[in-house]
N, C-alpha and C. Protein backbone atom coordinates (compact mmCIF):
# COMPACT_ATOMS: atom_id res chain seq x y z
N UNK A 1 104.58 154.84 68.33
CA UNK A 1 105.69 153.94 68.07
C UNK A 1 106.48 153.77 69.35
N UNK A 2 106.85 152.56 69.66
CA UNK A 2 107.65 152.31 70.84
C UNK A 2 109.10 152.19 70.42
N UNK A 3 109.99 152.58 71.30
CA UNK A 3 111.41 152.51 70.99
C UNK A 3 111.98 151.20 71.47
N UNK A 4 112.62 150.46 70.57
CA UNK A 4 113.21 149.19 70.95
C UNK A 4 114.59 149.06 70.33
N UNK A 5 115.44 148.39 71.05
CA UNK A 5 116.74 148.01 70.54
C UNK A 5 116.93 146.56 70.92
N UNK A 6 117.26 145.73 69.98
CA UNK A 6 117.56 144.34 70.28
C UNK A 6 119.06 144.19 70.28
N UNK A 7 119.61 143.62 71.33
CA UNK A 7 121.05 143.42 71.40
C UNK A 7 121.47 142.47 70.29
N UNK A 8 122.61 142.68 69.72
CA UNK A 8 123.12 141.90 68.60
C UNK A 8 122.27 142.08 67.36
N UNK A 9 121.60 143.22 67.26
CA UNK A 9 120.65 143.41 66.16
C UNK A 9 121.32 144.05 64.97
N UNK A 10 121.44 143.30 63.90
CA UNK A 10 121.88 143.85 62.63
C UNK A 10 120.71 143.66 61.68
N UNK A 11 119.63 144.36 61.98
CA UNK A 11 118.40 144.12 61.24
C UNK A 11 117.64 145.41 61.06
N UNK A 12 116.46 145.29 60.46
CA UNK A 12 115.67 146.48 60.18
C UNK A 12 114.36 146.44 60.92
N UNK A 13 113.86 147.61 61.25
CA UNK A 13 112.55 147.75 61.85
C UNK A 13 111.52 147.61 60.74
N UNK A 14 110.43 146.88 61.01
CA UNK A 14 109.38 146.78 60.01
C UNK A 14 108.06 147.13 60.64
N UNK A 15 107.11 147.52 59.80
CA UNK A 15 105.89 148.10 60.34
C UNK A 15 104.68 147.20 60.27
N UNK A 16 104.71 146.13 59.51
CA UNK A 16 103.53 145.28 59.47
C UNK A 16 103.93 143.82 59.34
N UNK A 17 103.09 142.96 59.88
CA UNK A 17 103.30 141.52 59.77
C UNK A 17 101.94 140.88 59.56
N UNK A 18 101.73 140.32 58.39
CA UNK A 18 100.44 139.72 58.11
C UNK A 18 100.52 138.21 58.28
N UNK A 19 99.39 137.58 58.48
CA UNK A 19 99.29 136.13 58.58
C UNK A 19 100.20 135.55 59.64
N UNK A 20 100.24 136.15 60.81
CA UNK A 20 101.07 135.65 61.90
C UNK A 20 100.40 134.43 62.51
N UNK A 21 101.13 133.35 62.62
CA UNK A 21 100.65 132.15 63.29
C UNK A 21 101.35 132.04 64.63
N UNK A 22 100.60 131.76 65.67
CA UNK A 22 101.19 131.70 67.00
C UNK A 22 101.65 130.32 67.40
N UNK A 23 101.51 129.31 66.57
CA UNK A 23 101.97 127.97 66.90
C UNK A 23 102.31 127.23 65.62
N UNK A 24 103.39 127.61 65.00
CA UNK A 24 103.72 127.04 63.71
C UNK A 24 105.18 126.61 63.71
N UNK A 25 105.42 125.40 63.22
CA UNK A 25 106.77 124.93 62.99
C UNK A 25 106.91 124.62 61.51
N UNK A 26 107.95 125.12 60.89
CA UNK A 26 108.20 124.86 59.47
C UNK A 26 109.41 123.96 59.38
N UNK A 27 109.26 122.83 58.70
CA UNK A 27 110.35 121.88 58.57
C UNK A 27 110.77 121.80 57.11
N UNK A 28 112.07 121.92 56.88
CA UNK A 28 112.63 121.84 55.54
C UNK A 28 113.72 120.77 55.57
N UNK A 29 113.43 119.59 55.03
CA UNK A 29 114.36 118.47 55.08
C UNK A 29 115.00 118.19 53.73
N UNK A 30 115.35 119.20 52.97
CA UNK A 30 115.86 118.98 51.62
C UNK A 30 117.35 118.73 51.56
N UNK A 31 118.11 119.00 52.61
CA UNK A 31 119.56 118.81 52.58
C UNK A 31 119.94 117.55 53.35
N UNK A 32 120.37 116.47 52.68
CA UNK A 32 120.70 115.22 53.36
C UNK A 32 122.00 115.28 54.16
N UNK A 33 122.81 116.33 54.01
CA UNK A 33 124.07 116.45 54.74
C UNK A 33 123.91 117.05 56.12
N UNK A 34 122.69 117.40 56.49
CA UNK A 34 122.45 118.03 57.78
C UNK A 34 121.95 117.00 58.78
N UNK A 35 122.63 116.90 59.91
CA UNK A 35 122.18 116.01 60.99
C UNK A 35 121.36 116.81 61.97
N UNK A 36 120.31 116.19 62.53
CA UNK A 36 119.46 116.88 63.50
C UNK A 36 119.51 116.13 64.82
N UNK A 37 119.52 116.90 65.90
CA UNK A 37 119.68 116.35 67.24
C UNK A 37 118.62 116.89 68.16
N UNK A 38 118.19 116.09 69.14
CA UNK A 38 117.53 116.68 70.29
C UNK A 38 116.16 116.24 70.65
N UNK A 39 115.32 115.73 69.77
CA UNK A 39 113.99 115.35 70.19
C UNK A 39 113.63 114.01 69.58
N UNK A 40 112.64 113.36 70.17
CA UNK A 40 112.27 112.04 69.69
C UNK A 40 111.69 112.08 68.29
N UNK A 41 111.05 113.17 67.91
CA UNK A 41 110.49 113.24 66.56
C UNK A 41 111.29 114.18 65.65
N UNK A 42 112.43 114.65 66.10
CA UNK A 42 113.33 115.51 65.32
C UNK A 42 112.70 116.81 64.84
N UNK A 43 111.68 117.30 65.52
CA UNK A 43 111.08 118.58 65.17
C UNK A 43 111.85 119.70 65.83
N UNK A 44 112.27 120.69 65.04
CA UNK A 44 112.97 121.85 65.58
C UNK A 44 111.96 122.69 66.35
N UNK A 45 112.16 122.81 67.65
CA UNK A 45 111.24 123.55 68.50
C UNK A 45 111.90 123.91 69.82
N UNK A 46 111.12 124.49 70.70
CA UNK A 46 111.59 124.86 72.03
C UNK A 46 111.18 123.80 73.04
N UNK A 47 112.13 123.32 73.83
CA UNK A 47 111.82 122.43 74.94
C UNK A 47 111.43 123.26 76.16
N UNK A 48 111.94 124.49 76.23
CA UNK A 48 111.66 125.40 77.34
C UNK A 48 111.89 126.82 76.85
N UNK A 49 110.96 127.72 77.15
CA UNK A 49 111.17 129.14 76.86
C UNK A 49 110.51 129.95 77.95
N UNK A 50 111.29 130.84 78.55
CA UNK A 50 110.79 131.67 79.64
C UNK A 50 111.63 132.92 79.76
N UNK A 51 111.04 133.92 80.44
CA UNK A 51 111.79 135.15 80.69
C UNK A 51 112.72 134.93 81.87
N UNK A 52 113.91 135.53 81.79
CA UNK A 52 114.91 135.40 82.85
C UNK A 52 115.43 136.78 83.23
N UNK A 53 116.01 136.86 84.43
CA UNK A 53 116.66 138.09 84.86
C UNK A 53 117.91 138.31 84.02
N UNK A 54 118.14 139.54 83.58
CA UNK A 54 119.36 139.81 82.80
C UNK A 54 120.61 139.38 83.58
N UNK A 55 121.58 138.90 82.86
CA UNK A 55 122.89 138.53 83.40
C UNK A 55 122.85 137.32 84.33
N UNK A 56 121.75 136.55 84.36
CA UNK A 56 121.71 135.36 85.23
C UNK A 56 121.93 134.06 84.47
N UNK A 57 121.98 134.11 83.15
CA UNK A 57 122.17 132.88 82.39
C UNK A 57 123.64 132.49 82.45
N UNK A 58 123.88 131.30 83.01
CA UNK A 58 125.24 130.81 83.14
C UNK A 58 125.51 129.61 82.25
N UNK A 59 124.60 129.30 81.35
CA UNK A 59 124.72 128.14 80.47
C UNK A 59 123.39 127.41 80.40
N UNK A 60 123.42 126.25 79.79
CA UNK A 60 122.20 125.46 79.60
C UNK A 60 121.62 125.06 80.95
N UNK A 61 120.38 125.47 81.21
CA UNK A 61 119.70 125.13 82.46
C UNK A 61 120.08 125.98 83.65
N UNK A 62 120.91 127.00 83.44
CA UNK A 62 121.37 127.85 84.54
C UNK A 62 120.84 129.26 84.30
N UNK A 63 119.82 129.65 85.08
CA UNK A 63 119.17 130.95 84.92
C UNK A 63 118.33 131.23 86.15
N UNK A 64 117.89 132.49 86.27
CA UNK A 64 116.92 132.87 87.30
C UNK A 64 115.70 133.43 86.57
N UNK A 65 114.56 132.80 86.79
CA UNK A 65 113.33 133.16 86.07
C UNK A 65 112.83 134.55 86.46
N UNK A 66 112.21 135.22 85.49
CA UNK A 66 111.63 136.55 85.66
C UNK A 66 110.15 136.46 85.28
N UNK A 67 109.25 137.08 86.03
CA UNK A 67 107.84 137.09 85.62
C UNK A 67 107.67 137.88 84.32
N UNK A 68 106.47 137.84 83.73
CA UNK A 68 106.26 138.52 82.46
C UNK A 68 105.89 140.00 82.63
N UNK A 69 106.05 140.55 83.82
CA UNK A 69 105.84 141.98 84.07
C UNK A 69 107.20 142.66 84.16
N UNK A 70 107.37 143.73 83.38
CA UNK A 70 108.65 144.44 83.31
C UNK A 70 108.43 145.92 83.60
N UNK A 71 109.44 146.55 84.18
CA UNK A 71 109.40 147.99 84.45
C UNK A 71 109.73 148.76 83.18
N UNK A 72 109.33 150.05 83.15
CA UNK A 72 109.74 150.94 82.06
C UNK A 72 111.26 150.87 81.92
N UNK A 73 111.74 150.65 80.73
CA UNK A 73 113.18 150.66 80.46
C UNK A 73 113.91 149.38 80.80
N UNK A 74 113.26 148.42 81.43
CA UNK A 74 113.91 147.16 81.82
C UNK A 74 114.11 146.26 80.60
N UNK A 75 115.26 145.59 80.52
CA UNK A 75 115.50 144.63 79.44
C UNK A 75 114.53 143.46 79.56
N UNK A 76 114.05 142.99 78.42
CA UNK A 76 113.18 141.82 78.34
C UNK A 76 114.03 140.70 77.76
N UNK A 77 114.36 139.70 78.59
CA UNK A 77 115.30 138.65 78.21
C UNK A 77 114.57 137.31 78.14
N UNK A 78 114.57 136.70 76.95
CA UNK A 78 113.95 135.39 76.73
C UNK A 78 115.05 134.33 76.66
N UNK A 79 114.90 133.28 77.47
CA UNK A 79 115.80 132.12 77.48
C UNK A 79 115.08 130.97 76.78
N UNK A 80 115.76 130.31 75.82
CA UNK A 80 115.15 129.23 75.04
C UNK A 80 116.10 128.04 75.02
N UNK A 81 115.57 126.84 75.33
CA UNK A 81 116.32 125.60 75.16
C UNK A 81 115.78 124.91 73.92
N UNK A 82 116.67 124.62 72.96
CA UNK A 82 116.28 124.08 71.66
C UNK A 82 116.36 122.56 71.62
N UNK A 83 115.48 121.96 70.81
CA UNK A 83 115.57 120.55 70.44
C UNK A 83 115.35 120.45 68.93
N UNK A 84 115.87 119.38 68.32
CA UNK A 84 115.67 119.15 66.90
C UNK A 84 116.45 120.07 65.99
N UNK A 85 117.52 120.70 66.50
CA UNK A 85 118.33 121.61 65.68
C UNK A 85 119.31 120.82 64.83
N UNK A 86 119.89 121.49 63.84
CA UNK A 86 120.77 120.81 62.89
C UNK A 86 122.24 121.09 63.17
N UNK A 87 123.06 120.22 62.62
CA UNK A 87 124.53 120.35 62.64
C UNK A 87 125.00 120.21 61.20
N UNK A 88 125.86 121.10 60.77
CA UNK A 88 126.44 121.00 59.43
C UNK A 88 127.93 120.74 59.58
N UNK A 89 128.44 119.64 59.02
CA UNK A 89 129.88 119.40 59.10
C UNK A 89 130.64 120.44 58.29
N UNK A 90 131.69 120.97 58.88
CA UNK A 90 132.57 121.92 58.20
C UNK A 90 134.01 121.48 58.42
N UNK A 91 134.84 121.74 57.47
CA UNK A 91 136.26 121.39 57.59
C UNK A 91 136.98 122.48 58.38
N UNK A 92 137.78 122.05 59.29
CA UNK A 92 138.55 122.99 60.11
C UNK A 92 139.84 123.36 59.40
N UNK A 93 140.35 124.52 59.75
CA UNK A 93 141.65 124.95 59.26
C UNK A 93 142.71 124.52 60.26
N UNK A 94 142.57 123.30 60.75
CA UNK A 94 143.51 122.76 61.73
C UNK A 94 144.43 121.75 61.04
N UNK A 95 145.63 121.55 61.56
CA UNK A 95 146.55 120.59 60.95
C UNK A 95 145.95 119.17 60.88
N UNK A 96 145.11 118.81 61.84
CA UNK A 96 144.54 117.46 61.87
C UNK A 96 143.43 117.27 60.84
N UNK A 97 142.99 118.38 60.21
CA UNK A 97 141.91 118.34 59.23
C UNK A 97 140.64 117.74 59.81
N UNK A 98 140.46 117.95 61.10
CA UNK A 98 139.32 117.41 61.83
C UNK A 98 138.02 118.09 61.41
N UNK A 99 136.92 117.33 61.37
CA UNK A 99 135.62 117.90 61.04
C UNK A 99 135.04 118.62 62.25
N UNK A 100 134.56 119.82 62.03
CA UNK A 100 133.84 120.58 63.05
C UNK A 100 132.38 120.64 62.64
N UNK A 101 131.53 121.13 63.56
CA UNK A 101 130.09 121.18 63.30
C UNK A 101 129.56 122.58 63.54
N UNK A 102 128.79 123.09 62.57
CA UNK A 102 128.20 124.42 62.64
C UNK A 102 126.75 124.32 63.09
N UNK A 103 126.39 125.15 64.07
CA UNK A 103 125.01 125.37 64.49
C UNK A 103 124.80 126.88 64.43
N UNK A 104 123.75 127.34 63.72
CA UNK A 104 123.59 128.76 63.47
C UNK A 104 122.11 129.13 63.58
N UNK A 105 121.80 130.13 64.43
CA UNK A 105 120.41 130.50 64.70
C UNK A 105 120.22 132.01 64.57
N UNK A 106 119.09 132.40 63.98
CA UNK A 106 118.68 133.80 63.93
C UNK A 106 117.24 133.88 64.44
N UNK A 107 116.77 135.11 64.65
CA UNK A 107 115.40 135.29 65.14
C UNK A 107 114.77 136.53 64.53
N UNK A 108 113.46 136.48 64.42
CA UNK A 108 112.63 137.65 64.11
C UNK A 108 111.80 137.92 65.35
N UNK A 109 111.51 139.18 65.62
CA UNK A 109 110.67 139.54 66.76
C UNK A 109 109.62 140.54 66.29
N UNK A 110 108.35 140.26 66.60
CA UNK A 110 107.25 141.16 66.29
C UNK A 110 106.64 141.60 67.62
N UNK A 111 106.50 142.91 67.80
CA UNK A 111 105.88 143.47 69.01
C UNK A 111 104.54 144.04 68.60
N UNK A 112 103.48 143.59 69.29
CA UNK A 112 102.14 144.09 68.96
C UNK A 112 101.37 144.38 70.23
N UNK A 113 100.29 145.15 70.08
CA UNK A 113 99.40 145.37 71.22
C UNK A 113 98.47 144.16 71.34
N UNK A 114 97.60 144.17 72.34
CA UNK A 114 96.74 143.02 72.58
C UNK A 114 95.67 142.84 71.51
N UNK A 115 95.44 143.86 70.68
CA UNK A 115 94.49 143.74 69.58
C UNK A 115 95.16 143.22 68.31
N UNK A 116 96.46 143.00 68.35
CA UNK A 116 97.18 142.48 67.19
C UNK A 116 97.78 143.53 66.29
N UNK A 117 97.70 144.80 66.65
CA UNK A 117 98.32 145.87 65.86
C UNK A 117 99.83 145.82 66.04
N UNK A 118 100.56 145.66 64.96
CA UNK A 118 102.01 145.56 65.02
C UNK A 118 102.60 146.94 65.32
N UNK A 119 103.44 147.00 66.37
CA UNK A 119 104.06 148.25 66.79
C UNK A 119 105.51 148.35 66.34
N UNK A 120 106.13 147.23 66.06
CA UNK A 120 107.52 147.24 65.63
C UNK A 120 108.08 145.84 65.63
N UNK A 121 109.34 145.74 65.31
CA UNK A 121 109.97 144.43 65.31
C UNK A 121 111.31 144.44 64.61
N UNK A 122 111.90 143.27 64.55
CA UNK A 122 113.20 143.06 63.93
C UNK A 122 113.17 141.79 63.11
N UNK A 123 114.02 141.72 62.10
CA UNK A 123 114.18 140.52 61.30
C UNK A 123 115.65 140.13 61.27
N UNK A 124 115.88 138.83 61.21
CA UNK A 124 117.22 138.25 61.04
C UNK A 124 118.23 138.70 62.09
N UNK A 125 117.80 138.70 63.36
CA UNK A 125 118.74 138.98 64.44
C UNK A 125 119.72 137.82 64.57
N UNK A 126 121.01 138.06 64.50
CA UNK A 126 121.96 136.96 64.72
C UNK A 126 121.97 136.61 66.20
N UNK A 127 121.52 135.41 66.53
CA UNK A 127 121.39 135.01 67.93
C UNK A 127 122.57 134.16 68.39
N UNK A 128 122.93 133.14 67.61
CA UNK A 128 124.02 132.26 68.02
C UNK A 128 124.59 131.55 66.80
N UNK A 129 125.90 131.58 66.67
CA UNK A 129 126.60 130.81 65.65
C UNK A 129 127.71 130.07 66.37
N UNK A 130 127.62 128.75 66.37
CA UNK A 130 128.56 127.92 67.12
C UNK A 130 129.27 126.99 66.15
N UNK A 131 130.59 126.93 66.23
CA UNK A 131 131.37 125.93 65.53
C UNK A 131 132.02 125.09 66.62
N UNK A 132 131.69 123.79 66.63
CA UNK A 132 132.09 122.92 67.74
C UNK A 132 132.80 121.66 67.22
N UNK A 133 133.62 121.09 68.08
CA UNK A 133 134.24 119.79 67.80
C UNK A 133 133.22 118.67 67.93
N UNK A 134 132.07 118.96 68.54
CA UNK A 134 131.06 117.94 68.83
C UNK A 134 129.71 118.35 68.25
N UNK A 135 128.86 117.37 68.02
CA UNK A 135 127.47 117.64 67.64
C UNK A 135 126.70 117.89 68.93
N UNK A 136 126.75 119.13 69.38
CA UNK A 136 126.15 119.49 70.67
C UNK A 136 124.71 118.99 70.75
N UNK A 137 124.32 118.54 71.94
CA UNK A 137 122.97 118.06 72.17
C UNK A 137 122.15 119.05 72.99
N UNK A 138 122.81 119.96 73.68
CA UNK A 138 122.13 120.96 74.50
C UNK A 138 122.58 122.35 74.07
N UNK A 139 121.62 123.15 73.62
CA UNK A 139 121.90 124.54 73.23
C UNK A 139 120.80 125.42 73.79
N UNK A 140 121.22 126.54 74.38
CA UNK A 140 120.25 127.54 74.80
C UNK A 140 120.52 128.84 74.06
N UNK A 141 119.44 129.58 73.82
CA UNK A 141 119.55 130.90 73.20
C UNK A 141 119.09 131.94 74.21
N UNK A 142 119.66 133.13 74.14
CA UNK A 142 119.24 134.26 74.96
C UNK A 142 118.95 135.41 74.01
N UNK A 143 117.70 135.87 74.03
CA UNK A 143 117.27 136.96 73.14
C UNK A 143 116.86 138.13 74.02
N UNK A 144 117.57 139.25 73.89
CA UNK A 144 117.34 140.42 74.74
C UNK A 144 116.74 141.56 73.94
N UNK A 145 115.61 142.08 74.42
CA UNK A 145 115.03 143.30 73.87
C UNK A 145 115.28 144.40 74.89
N UNK A 146 115.96 145.45 74.48
CA UNK A 146 116.20 146.61 75.34
C UNK A 146 115.28 147.73 74.91
N UNK A 147 114.67 148.38 75.86
CA UNK A 147 113.76 149.49 75.57
C UNK A 147 114.58 150.77 75.40
N UNK A 148 114.82 151.19 74.16
CA UNK A 148 115.60 152.41 73.93
C UNK A 148 114.85 153.63 74.44
N UNK A 149 113.55 153.61 74.35
CA UNK A 149 112.66 154.57 75.00
C UNK A 149 111.64 153.69 75.71
N UNK A 150 111.37 153.93 76.98
CA UNK A 150 110.47 153.03 77.71
C UNK A 150 109.14 152.83 77.00
N UNK A 151 108.70 151.58 76.94
CA UNK A 151 107.39 151.27 76.38
C UNK A 151 106.34 151.96 77.23
N UNK A 152 105.26 152.41 76.64
CA UNK A 152 104.14 152.92 77.45
C UNK A 152 103.59 151.79 78.32
N UNK A 153 103.09 152.15 79.47
CA UNK A 153 102.51 151.17 80.37
C UNK A 153 101.39 150.42 79.64
N UNK A 154 101.33 149.11 79.80
CA UNK A 154 100.27 148.33 79.16
C UNK A 154 100.68 146.91 78.86
N UNK A 155 99.81 146.21 78.16
CA UNK A 155 100.03 144.81 77.79
C UNK A 155 100.43 144.71 76.33
N UNK A 156 101.38 143.81 76.05
CA UNK A 156 101.91 143.62 74.71
C UNK A 156 102.06 142.13 74.42
N UNK A 157 102.16 141.82 73.14
CA UNK A 157 102.45 140.45 72.70
C UNK A 157 103.78 140.49 71.94
N UNK A 158 104.63 139.53 72.25
CA UNK A 158 105.90 139.37 71.55
C UNK A 158 105.83 138.06 70.79
N UNK A 159 106.12 138.09 69.51
CA UNK A 159 106.18 136.88 68.71
C UNK A 159 107.61 136.71 68.23
N UNK A 160 108.25 135.66 68.70
CA UNK A 160 109.62 135.32 68.32
C UNK A 160 109.55 134.21 67.28
N UNK A 161 110.25 134.37 66.16
CA UNK A 161 110.40 133.30 65.18
C UNK A 161 111.87 132.92 65.18
N UNK A 162 112.15 131.68 65.55
CA UNK A 162 113.53 131.19 65.66
C UNK A 162 113.84 130.40 64.38
N UNK A 163 114.98 130.73 63.77
CA UNK A 163 115.40 130.09 62.52
C UNK A 163 116.65 129.25 62.75
N UNK A 164 116.61 127.99 62.33
CA UNK A 164 117.78 127.12 62.26
C UNK A 164 118.32 127.32 60.85
N UNK A 165 119.32 128.18 60.70
CA UNK A 165 119.78 128.61 59.38
C UNK A 165 120.26 127.46 58.48
N UNK A 166 121.05 126.51 58.98
CA UNK A 166 121.51 125.45 58.07
C UNK A 166 120.38 124.60 57.47
N UNK A 167 119.35 124.30 58.25
CA UNK A 167 118.27 123.44 57.76
C UNK A 167 117.12 124.21 57.14
N UNK A 168 116.98 125.50 57.49
CA UNK A 168 115.84 126.28 57.02
C UNK A 168 114.59 126.10 57.88
N UNK A 169 114.68 125.31 58.95
CA UNK A 169 113.53 125.07 59.82
C UNK A 169 113.30 126.26 60.75
N UNK A 170 112.03 126.48 61.11
CA UNK A 170 111.67 127.57 62.02
C UNK A 170 110.58 127.12 62.98
N UNK A 171 110.46 127.84 64.09
CA UNK A 171 109.30 127.70 64.97
C UNK A 171 109.04 129.05 65.62
N UNK A 172 107.86 129.19 66.20
CA UNK A 172 107.47 130.46 66.81
C UNK A 172 107.17 130.29 68.29
N UNK A 173 107.45 131.36 69.04
CA UNK A 173 107.13 131.45 70.47
C UNK A 173 106.35 132.73 70.66
N UNK A 174 105.15 132.64 71.20
CA UNK A 174 104.33 133.81 71.49
C UNK A 174 104.33 134.04 73.00
N UNK A 175 104.61 135.26 73.42
CA UNK A 175 104.67 135.61 74.84
C UNK A 175 103.89 136.90 75.08
N UNK A 176 103.15 136.93 76.17
CA UNK A 176 102.47 138.15 76.61
C UNK A 176 103.35 138.82 77.66
N UNK A 177 103.49 140.14 77.57
CA UNK A 177 104.24 140.89 78.58
C UNK A 177 103.42 142.08 79.04
N UNK A 178 103.70 142.49 80.26
CA UNK A 178 103.07 143.67 80.84
C UNK A 178 104.17 144.65 81.19
N UNK A 179 104.02 145.91 80.76
CA UNK A 179 104.97 146.96 81.12
C UNK A 179 104.30 147.85 82.15
N UNK A 180 105.01 148.07 83.25
CA UNK A 180 104.47 148.88 84.34
C UNK A 180 105.43 150.00 84.68
N UNK A 181 104.91 151.06 85.26
CA UNK A 181 105.77 152.18 85.67
C UNK A 181 106.42 151.90 87.03
N UNK A 182 105.99 150.83 87.70
CA UNK A 182 106.57 150.48 89.00
C UNK A 182 107.90 149.79 88.80
N UNK A 183 108.82 149.98 89.74
CA UNK A 183 110.09 149.27 89.70
C UNK A 183 109.87 147.84 90.15
N UNK A 184 110.39 146.91 89.38
CA UNK A 184 110.20 145.48 89.70
C UNK A 184 111.37 144.96 90.50
């Protein structure tokens, strides 16, 4: 068992994941009050996803890329730019009674070896909850996995499932990582 801690993790460790799809988007369009923004076909997905150096994300499009090789104990930080996400109108507790917009995202993470054996993971990580005066068009997520005990040296697969909570839509990102004992 590898030791992992996900920042902002209010979730449980699970031991198995069956029927994992590495390229699946689930669309749920049952709520007509939800507006979707960001792509020509309105599919909730990633426009960009890559590993970044910790503490380098300064906003949408502002980051320093990190290769997929990490040292023992090094944080694994995934940067994601979303398209096709939803906005839910909410009433503000402001004197003007102005409408605000909710955008809310969670993630699941499955860690497996290269043969597909699940080593651990998390469910329902709260990633971002935004209440805005505007229907934002650009949103980035930062998902950090911290090694509470350094992963053994080797190759791993990370499967991230990103959830757009208001709409119920999801998509998956599969990433290969290498853990080395060398300092990067």
